[in-house]
Amino acid sequence: MTDLPPVPAAAAPAYGVGPWPGGPDAWPDDPRYDRQLLADGDRRNVVDRYRYWRMDAIVAELDTHRHPFHVAIENWQHDLNIGSIVRSANAFLADTVHIVGRRRWNRRGAMVTDRYQHVVHHPDVASLAAWAAGEGLPIIAVDNIGGSVALPAAELPERCVLLFGQEGPGLSPEALEAATGIVQISQYGSTRSLNAAAAAAVIMYDWCRRWAAPAR
């Protein structure tokens, strides 16, 4: 992989990187690089290894080493947390995000990370459960209800679907019935529940701690 050249301090933008130093004659001869980004600079929120790459090239490279867990989110109330959960799924390299319920979801919190993350829709929990059964993937629900197992002692299979509910109501009865296990995050303060996006990030991080190779 071509190493990024140093960008002079005077030419560095407020965020990201500026145009590739040296002009077109110095551009790398690699089809993954986007000529427009090389010319104008790359101010996207991507790690350095993907600077100046075309979006489809980044997705193709991520697809070579995605983790074998999936994330599913119930979407009955257009929850603002969904975008943030998608962003965390990208950060922890989930295979796919499954939106259950309404097809339209609030993308604001995703900060365009959904462009790099596979996202599919299921009209209801039954269709998600049928898909998961066909793939041989257990569904692990995340909710702090009776019968749930605290995260340190809970089983998080290497191949699974991590299912999250909405802020307030939590998971639907149908979602809990479809799950093969229910995990809770232990809390130490007075509040009853964590923000849904925060809970999702905690669970995904713990899956990576158990199963993932060191980050590149």
C-alpha atoms as a PDB file:
ATOM      1  CA  MET A   1       0.000   0.000   0.000  1.00  0.00           C
ATOM      2  CA  THR A   2       1.226   3.464  -0.868  1.00  0.00           C
ATOM      3  CA  ASP A   3       2.285   5.437   2.184  1.00  0.00           C
ATOM      4  CA  LEU A   4       0.690   8.842   2.569  1.00  0.00           C
ATOM      5  CA  PRO A   5       3.208  11.640   2.027  1.00  0.00           C
ATOM      6  CA  PRO A   6       3.633  14.261   4.723  1.00  0.00           C
ATOM      7  CA  VAL A   7       1.427  17.292   4.246  1.00  0.00           C
ATOM      8  CA  PRO A   8       3.137  20.642   4.952  1.00  0.00           C
ATOM      9  CA  ALA A   9       1.624  22.359   7.975  1.00  0.00           C
ATOM     10  CA  ALA A  10       0.678  25.427   5.942  1.00  0.00           C
ATOM     11  CA  ALA A  11      -1.280  23.267   3.485  1.00  0.00           C
ATOM     12  CA  ALA A  12      -3.026  21.073   6.039  1.00  0.00           C
ATOM     13  CA  PRO A  13      -6.818  21.617   6.237  1.00  0.00           C
ATOM     14  CA  ALA A  14      -8.680  21.967   9.530  1.00  0.00           C
ATOM     15  CA  TYR A  15      -9.537  18.280   9.303  1.00  0.00           C
ATOM     16  CA  GLY A  16      -8.603  15.495   6.929  1.00  0.00           C
ATOM     17  CA  VAL A  17      -5.770  15.944   4.459  1.00  0.00           C
ATOM     18  CA  GLY A  18      -5.176  18.380   1.632  1.00  0.00           C
ATOM     19  CA  PRO A  19      -4.344  17.637  -2.002  1.00  0.00           C
ATOM     20  CA  TRP A  20      -1.677  15.002  -2.634  1.00  0.00           C
ATOM     21  CA  PRO A  21       1.631  16.910  -2.603  1.00  0.00           C
ATOM     22  CA  GLY A  22       3.465  17.178  -5.889  1.00  0.00           C
ATOM     23  CA  GLY A  23       0.495  17.434  -8.195  1.00  0.00           C
ATOM     24  CA  PRO A  24      -0.761  14.875 -10.728  1.00  0.00           C
ATOM     25  CA  ASP A  25       2.743  13.721 -11.625  1.00  0.00           C
ATOM     26  CA  ALA A  26       3.177  12.433  -8.063  1.00  0.00           C
ATOM     27  CA  TRP A  27      -0.189  10.676  -7.775  1.00  0.00           C
ATOM     28  CA  PRO A  28      -0.043   6.944  -6.926  1.00  0.00           C
ATOM     29  CA  ASP A  29      -0.728   4.531  -9.769  1.00  0.00           C
ATOM     30  CA  ASP A  30      -3.402   2.555  -7.929  1.00  0.00           C
ATOM     31  CA  PRO A  31      -7.025   2.185  -9.114  1.00  0.00           C
ATOM     32  CA  ARG A  32      -8.303   2.415  -5.523  1.00  0.00           C
ATOM     33  CA  TYR A  33      -7.408   6.093  -5.367  1.00  0.00           C
ATOM     34  CA  ASP A  34      -9.949   8.751  -6.351  1.00  0.00           C
ATOM     35  CA  ARG A  35      -8.433  11.324  -8.670  1.00  0.00           C
ATOM     36  CA  GLN A  36     -10.804  14.043  -7.455  1.00  0.00           C
ATOM     37  CA  LEU A  37      -9.780  13.444  -3.850  1.00  0.00           C
ATOM     38  CA  LEU A  38      -6.114  13.425  -4.817  1.00  0.00           C
ATOM     39  CA  ALA A  39      -6.610  16.804  -6.466  1.00  0.00           C
ATOM     40  CA  ASP A  40      -8.836  18.447  -3.839  1.00  0.00           C
ATOM     41  CA  GLY A  41      -7.938  16.679  -0.597  1.00  0.00           C
ATOM     42  CA  ASP A  42      -9.821  14.165   1.508  1.00  0.00           C
ATOM     43  CA  ARG A  43     -11.818  15.578   4.414  1.00  0.00           C
ATOM     44  CA  ARG A  44     -13.928  12.485   5.091  1.00  0.00           C
ATOM     45  CA  ASN A  45     -14.021  10.863   8.511  1.00  0.00           C
ATOM     46  CA  VAL A  46     -11.981   7.797   7.514  1.00  0.00           C
ATOM     47  CA  VAL A  47      -8.860   6.260   9.037  1.00  0.00           C
ATOM     48  CA  ASP A  48      -5.562   7.182   7.407  1.00  0.00           C
ATOM     49  CA  ARG A  49      -5.163   3.901   5.534  1.00  0.00           C
ATOM     50  CA  TYR A  50      -8.225   4.811   3.423  1.00  0.00           C
ATOM     51  CA  ARG A  51      -7.297   8.410   2.678  1.00  0.00           C
ATOM     52  CA  TYR A  52      -7.921   9.315  -0.969  1.00  0.00           C
ATOM     53  CA  TRP A  53      -9.553   5.934  -1.684  1.00  0.00           C
ATOM     54  CA  ARG A  54     -12.782   5.654  -3.674  1.00  0.00           C
ATOM     55  CA  MET A  55     -15.779   4.792  -1.506  1.00  0.00           C
ATOM     56  CA  ASP A  56     -16.458   1.537  -3.356  1.00  0.00           C
ATOM     57  CA  ALA A  57     -12.813   0.540  -2.913  1.00  0.00           C
ATOM     58  CA  ILE A  58     -13.085   1.092   0.844  1.00  0.00           C
ATOM     59  CA  VAL A  59     -16.243  -1.022   1.062  1.00  0.00           C
ATOM     60  CA  ALA A  60     -14.642  -3.786  -1.012  1.00  0.00           C
ATOM     61  CA  GLU A  61     -11.603  -3.854   1.273  1.00  0.00           C
ATOM     62  CA  LEU A  62     -13.751  -3.871   4.430  1.00  0.00           C
ATOM     63  CA  ASP A  63     -15.693  -6.798   2.988  1.00  0.00           C
ATOM     64  CA  THR A  64     -12.526  -8.911   3.027  1.00  0.00           C
ATOM     65  CA  HIS A  65     -12.357  -8.927   6.821  1.00  0.00           C
ATOM     66  CA  ARG A  66     -15.752  -8.026   8.299  1.00  0.00           C
ATOM     67  CA  HIS A  67     -16.577  -9.637  11.619  1.00  0.00           C
ATOM     68  CA  PRO A  68     -19.174 -12.436  11.648  1.00  0.00           C
ATOM     69  CA  PHE A  69     -21.642 -10.681  13.962  1.00  0.00           C
ATOM     70  CA  HIS A  70     -24.696  -8.801  12.740  1.00  0.00           C
ATOM     71  CA  VAL A  71     -26.583  -5.950  14.382  1.00  0.00           C
ATOM     72  CA  ALA A  72     -30.373  -5.681  14.307  1.00  0.00           C
ATOM     73  CA  ILE A  73     -32.371  -2.674  15.469  1.00  0.00           C
ATOM     74  CA  GLU A  74     -36.114  -2.394  15.938  1.00  0.00           C
ATOM     75  CA  ASN A  75     -37.428   0.748  14.238  1.00  0.00           C
ATOM     76  CA  TRP A  76     -41.007   1.434  15.232  1.00  0.00           C
ATOM     77  CA  GLN A  77     -40.681   5.049  16.422  1.00  0.00           C
ATOM     78  CA  HIS A  78     -38.012   6.514  14.120  1.00  0.00           C
ATOM     79  CA  ASP A  79     -35.556   6.367  17.035  1.00  0.00           C
ATOM     80  CA  LEU A  80     -32.725   8.920  16.877  1.00  0.00           C
ATOM     81  CA  ASN A  81     -30.327   6.282  18.248  1.00  0.00           C
ATOM     82  CA  ILE A  82     -30.411   4.166  15.098  1.00  0.00           C
ATOM     83  CA  GLY A  83     -27.929   6.305  13.191  1.00  0.00           C
ATOM     84  CA  SER A  84     -25.480   6.204  16.093  1.00  0.00           C
ATOM     85  CA  ILE A  85     -25.801   2.419  16.299  1.00  0.00           C
ATOM     86  CA  VAL A  86     -25.029   2.149  12.580  1.00  0.00           C
ATOM     87  CA  ARG A  87     -21.963   4.317  13.132  1.00  0.00           C
ATOM     88  CA  SER A  88     -20.771   2.002  15.927  1.00  0.00           C
ATOM     89  CA  ALA A  89     -21.460  -1.041  13.743  1.00  0.00           C
ATOM     90  CA  ASN A  90     -19.125   0.438  11.155  1.00  0.00           C
ATOM     91  CA  ALA A  91     -16.493   1.233  13.785  1.00  0.00           C
ATOM     92  CA  PHE A  92     -16.555  -2.360  15.088  1.00  0.00           C
ATOM     93  CA  LEU A  93     -16.812  -3.792  11.547  1.00  0.00           C
ATOM     94  CA  ALA A  94     -20.123  -5.623  11.861  1.00  0.00           C
ATOM     95  CA  ASP A  95     -21.079  -7.758   8.898  1.00  0.00           C
ATOM     96  CA  THR A  96     -24.491  -6.171   8.324  1.00  0.00           C
ATOM     97  CA  VAL A  97     -26.989  -3.915  10.072  1.00  0.00           C
ATOM     98  CA  HIS A  98     -30.619  -5.058   9.935  1.00  0.00           C
ATOM     99  CA  ILE A  99     -33.368  -2.459  10.321  1.00  0.00           C
ATOM    100  CA  VAL A 100     -36.556  -4.132  11.593  1.00  0.00           C
ATOM    101  CA  GLY A 101     -39.903  -2.358  11.187  1.00  0.00           C
ATOM    102  CA  ARG A 102     -40.101   0.937   9.363  1.00  0.00           C
ATOM    103  CA  ARG A 103     -37.920   1.070   6.279  1.00  0.00           C
ATOM    104  CA  ARG A 104     -37.028   4.727   6.748  1.00  0.00           C
ATOM    105  CA  TRP A 105     -34.714   5.414   9.662  1.00  0.00           C
ATOM    106  CA  ASN A 106     -33.041   8.495  11.102  1.00  0.00           C
ATOM    107  CA  ARG A 107     -29.611   8.696   9.460  1.00  0.00           C
ATOM    108  CA  ARG A 108     -28.352  11.824  11.211  1.00  0.00           C
ATOM    109  CA  GLY A 109     -26.297  10.008  13.835  1.00  0.00           C
ATOM    110  CA  ALA A 110     -24.711   7.711  11.248  1.00  0.00           C
ATOM    111  CA  MET A 111     -22.529  10.573   9.959  1.00  0.00           C
ATOM    112  CA  VAL A 112     -22.515   8.943   6.459  1.00  0.00           C
ATOM    113  CA  THR A 113     -20.999   5.704   7.832  1.00  0.00           C
ATOM    114  CA  ASP A 114     -23.995   3.863   6.349  1.00  0.00           C
ATOM    115  CA  ARG A 115     -22.276   4.329   2.980  1.00  0.00           C
ATOM    116  CA  TYR A 116     -19.559   1.947   4.139  1.00  0.00           C
ATOM    117  CA  GLN A 117     -21.828  -0.436   6.047  1.00  0.00           C
ATOM    118  CA  HIS A 118     -24.200  -3.043   4.601  1.00  0.00           C
ATOM    119  CA  VAL A 119     -27.728  -2.188   5.763  1.00  0.00           C
ATOM    120  CA  VAL A 120     -30.777  -4.331   4.999  1.00  0.00           C
ATOM    121  CA  HIS A 121     -34.453  -4.057   5.940  1.00  0.00           C
ATOM    122  CA  HIS A 122     -36.898  -6.561   7.460  1.00  0.00           C
ATOM    123  CA  PRO A 123     -40.557  -5.582   7.768  1.00  0.00           C
ATOM    124  CA  ASP A 124     -40.989  -7.376  11.098  1.00  0.00           C
ATOM    125  CA  VAL A 125     -39.251  -9.530  13.682  1.00  0.00           C
ATOM    126  CA  ALA A 126     -40.609 -12.730  12.131  1.00  0.00           C
ATOM    127  CA  SER A 127     -38.786 -12.045   8.869  1.00  0.00           C
ATOM    128  CA  LEU A 128     -35.543 -11.265  10.714  1.00  0.00           C
ATOM    129  CA  ALA A 129     -35.888 -14.464  12.729  1.00  0.00           C
ATOM    130  CA  ALA A 130     -36.522 -16.507   9.585  1.00  0.00           C
ATOM    131  CA  TRP A 131     -33.463 -15.030   7.899  1.00  0.00           C
ATOM    132  CA  ALA A 132     -31.280 -15.654  10.969  1.00  0.00           C
ATOM    133  CA  ALA A 133     -32.486 -19.256  11.242  1.00  0.00           C
ATOM    134  CA  GLY A 134     -31.646 -19.821   7.593  1.00  0.00           C
ATOM    135  CA  GLU A 135     -28.125 -18.538   8.201  1.00  0.00           C
ATOM    136  CA  GLY A 136     -27.699 -20.546  11.404  1.00  0.00           C
ATOM    137  CA  LEU A 137     -27.286 -17.364  13.475  1.00  0.00           C
ATOM    138  CA  PRO A 138     -28.595 -17.187  17.050  1.00  0.00           C
ATOM    139  CA  ILE A 139     -30.291 -13.933  18.042  1.00  0.00           C
ATOM    140  CA  ILE A 140     -28.921 -12.349  21.219  1.00  0.00           C
ATOM    141  CA  ALA A 141     -31.245  -9.685  22.599  1.00  0.00           C
ATOM    142  CA  VAL A 142     -29.931  -6.825  24.711  1.00  0.00           C
ATOM    143  CA  ASP A 143     -32.288  -5.630  27.452  1.00  0.00           C
ATOM    144  CA  ASN A 144     -32.184  -5.279  31.232  1.00  0.00           C
ATOM    145  CA  ILE A 145     -35.206  -7.376  32.063  1.00  0.00           C
ATOM    146  CA  GLY A 146     -35.841 -10.350  34.320  1.00  0.00           C
ATOM    147  CA  GLY A 147     -34.048 -13.447  33.123  1.00  0.00           C
ATOM    148  CA  SER A 148     -31.286 -11.555  31.338  1.00  0.00           C
ATOM    149  CA  VAL A 149     -27.642 -12.458  31.968  1.00  0.00           C
ATOM    150  CA  ALA A 150     -25.068  -9.823  32.935  1.00  0.00           C
ATOM    151  CA  LEU A 151     -22.591  -9.197  30.116  1.00  0.00           C
ATOM    152  CA  PRO A 152     -19.440 -10.630  31.759  1.00  0.00           C
ATOM    153  CA  ALA A 153     -21.147 -13.990  32.251  1.00  0.00           C
ATOM    154  CA  ALA A 154     -23.271 -13.922  29.099  1.00  0.00           C
ATOM    155  CA  GLU A 155     -22.529 -15.906  25.977  1.00  0.00           C
ATOM    156  CA  LEU A 156     -21.817 -13.866  22.854  1.00  0.00           C
ATOM    157  CA  PRO A 157     -21.316 -16.389  20.055  1.00  0.00           C
ATOM    158  CA  GLU A 158     -18.790 -15.601  17.354  1.00  0.00           C
ATOM    159  CA  ARG A 159     -21.534 -15.814  14.730  1.00  0.00           C
ATOM    160  CA  CYS A 160     -24.694 -14.140  15.957  1.00  0.00           C
ATOM    161  CA  VAL A 161     -27.211 -11.328  15.600  1.00  0.00           C
ATOM    162  CA  LEU A 162     -27.110  -8.695  18.341  1.00  0.00           C
ATOM    163  CA  LEU A 163     -30.636  -7.320  18.633  1.00  0.00           C
ATOM    164  CA  PHE A 164     -31.349  -3.896  20.129  1.00  0.00           C
ATOM    165  CA  GLY A 165     -34.617  -2.169  20.956  1.00  0.00           C
ATOM    166  CA  GLN A 166     -35.621   1.446  21.114  1.00  0.00           C
ATOM    167  CA  GLU A 167     -35.082   4.181  23.636  1.00  0.00           C
ATOM    168  CA  GLY A 168     -37.838   3.915  26.246  1.00  0.00           C
ATOM    169  CA  PRO A 169     -39.886   0.822  25.369  1.00  0.00           C
ATOM    170  CA  GLY A 170     -36.898  -1.439  24.793  1.00  0.00           C
ATOM    171  CA  LEU A 171     -37.383  -4.635  22.808  1.00  0.00           C
ATOM    172  CA  SER A 172     -40.808  -5.750  21.683  1.00  0.00           C
ATOM    173  CA  PRO A 173     -42.325  -9.002  23.025  1.00  0.00           C
ATOM    174  CA  GLU A 174     -41.855 -10.513  19.551  1.00  0.00           C
ATOM    175  CA  ALA A 175     -38.142  -9.685  19.611  1.00  0.00           C
ATOM    176  CA  LEU A 176     -37.647 -11.210  23.052  1.00  0.00           C
ATOM    177  CA  GLU A 177     -39.478 -14.349  21.978  1.00  0.00           C
ATOM    178  CA  ALA A 178     -37.225 -14.698  18.902  1.00  0.00           C
ATOM    179  CA  ALA A 179     -34.041 -14.428  20.970  1.00  0.00           C
ATOM    180  CA  THR A 180     -32.038 -17.429  22.124  1.00  0.00           C
ATOM    181  CA  GLY A 181     -30.416 -15.375  24.884  1.00  0.00           C
ATOM    182  CA  ILE A 182     -30.878 -12.026  26.617  1.00  0.00           C
ATOM    183  CA  VAL A 183     -27.932  -9.942  27.789  1.00  0.00           C
ATOM    184  CA  GLN A 184     -27.928  -6.979  30.144  1.00  0.00           C
ATOM    185  CA  ILE A 185     -25.259  -4.383  30.926  1.00  0.00           C
ATOM    186  CA  SER A 186     -24.699  -3.965  34.662  1.00  0.00           C
ATOM    187  CA  GLN A 187     -25.168  -0.399  35.903  1.00  0.00           C
ATOM    188  CA  TYR A 188     -24.127   1.253  39.134  1.00  0.00           C
ATOM    189  CA  GLY A 189     -26.054   4.514  39.300  1.00  0.00           C
ATOM    190  CA  SER A 190     -29.696   5.476  39.715  1.00  0.00           C
ATOM    191  CA  THR A 191     -30.851   5.389  36.110  1.00  0.00           C
ATOM    192  CA  ARG A 192     -32.707   2.277  34.997  1.00  0.00           C
ATOM    193  CA  SER A 193     -31.290   1.992  31.498  1.00  0.00           C
ATOM    194  CA  LEU A 194     -28.467   3.102  29.241  1.00  0.00           C
ATOM    195  CA  ASN A 195     -29.017   5.113  26.094  1.00  0.00           C
ATOM    196  CA  ALA A 196     -29.669   2.558  23.322  1.00  0.00           C
ATOM    197  CA  ALA A 197     -26.736   3.748  21.216  1.00  0.00           C
ATOM    198  CA  ALA A 198     -24.386   3.596  24.206  1.00  0.00           C
ATOM    199  CA  ALA A 199     -25.564   0.089  25.080  1.00  0.00           C
ATOM    200  CA  ALA A 200     -24.995  -1.074  21.510  1.00  0.00           C
ATOM    201  CA  ALA A 201     -21.450   0.289  21.515  1.00  0.00           C
ATOM    202  CA  VAL A 202     -20.677  -1.502  24.796  1.00  0.00           C
ATOM    203  CA  ILE A 203     -21.945  -4.841  23.496  1.00  0.00           C
ATOM    204  CA  MET A 204     -20.128  -4.559  20.165  1.00  0.00           C
ATOM    205  CA  TYR A 205     -16.902  -3.630  21.913  1.00  0.00           C
ATOM    206  CA  ASP A 206     -17.237  -6.641  24.194  1.00  0.00           C
ATOM    207  CA  TRP A 207     -17.830  -8.925  21.197  1.00  0.00           C
ATOM    208  CA  CYS A 208     -14.619  -7.574  19.629  1.00  0.00           C
ATOM    209  CA  ARG A 209     -12.732  -8.009  22.901  1.00  0.00           C
ATOM    210  CA  ARG A 210     -13.713 -11.676  22.893  1.00  0.00           C
ATOM    211  CA  TRP A 211     -13.416 -12.574  19.236  1.00  0.00           C
ATOM    212  CA  ALA A 212     -11.655  -9.988  17.072  1.00  0.00           C
ATOM    213  CA  ALA A 213      -8.041  -9.862  16.049  1.00  0.00           C
ATOM    214  CA  PRO A 214      -6.115  -6.707  17.050  1.00  0.00           C
ATOM    215  CA  ALA A 215      -7.205  -3.688  15.050  1.00  0.00           C
ATOM    216  CA  ARG A 216      -5.139  -2.938  11.992  1.00  0.00           C
END
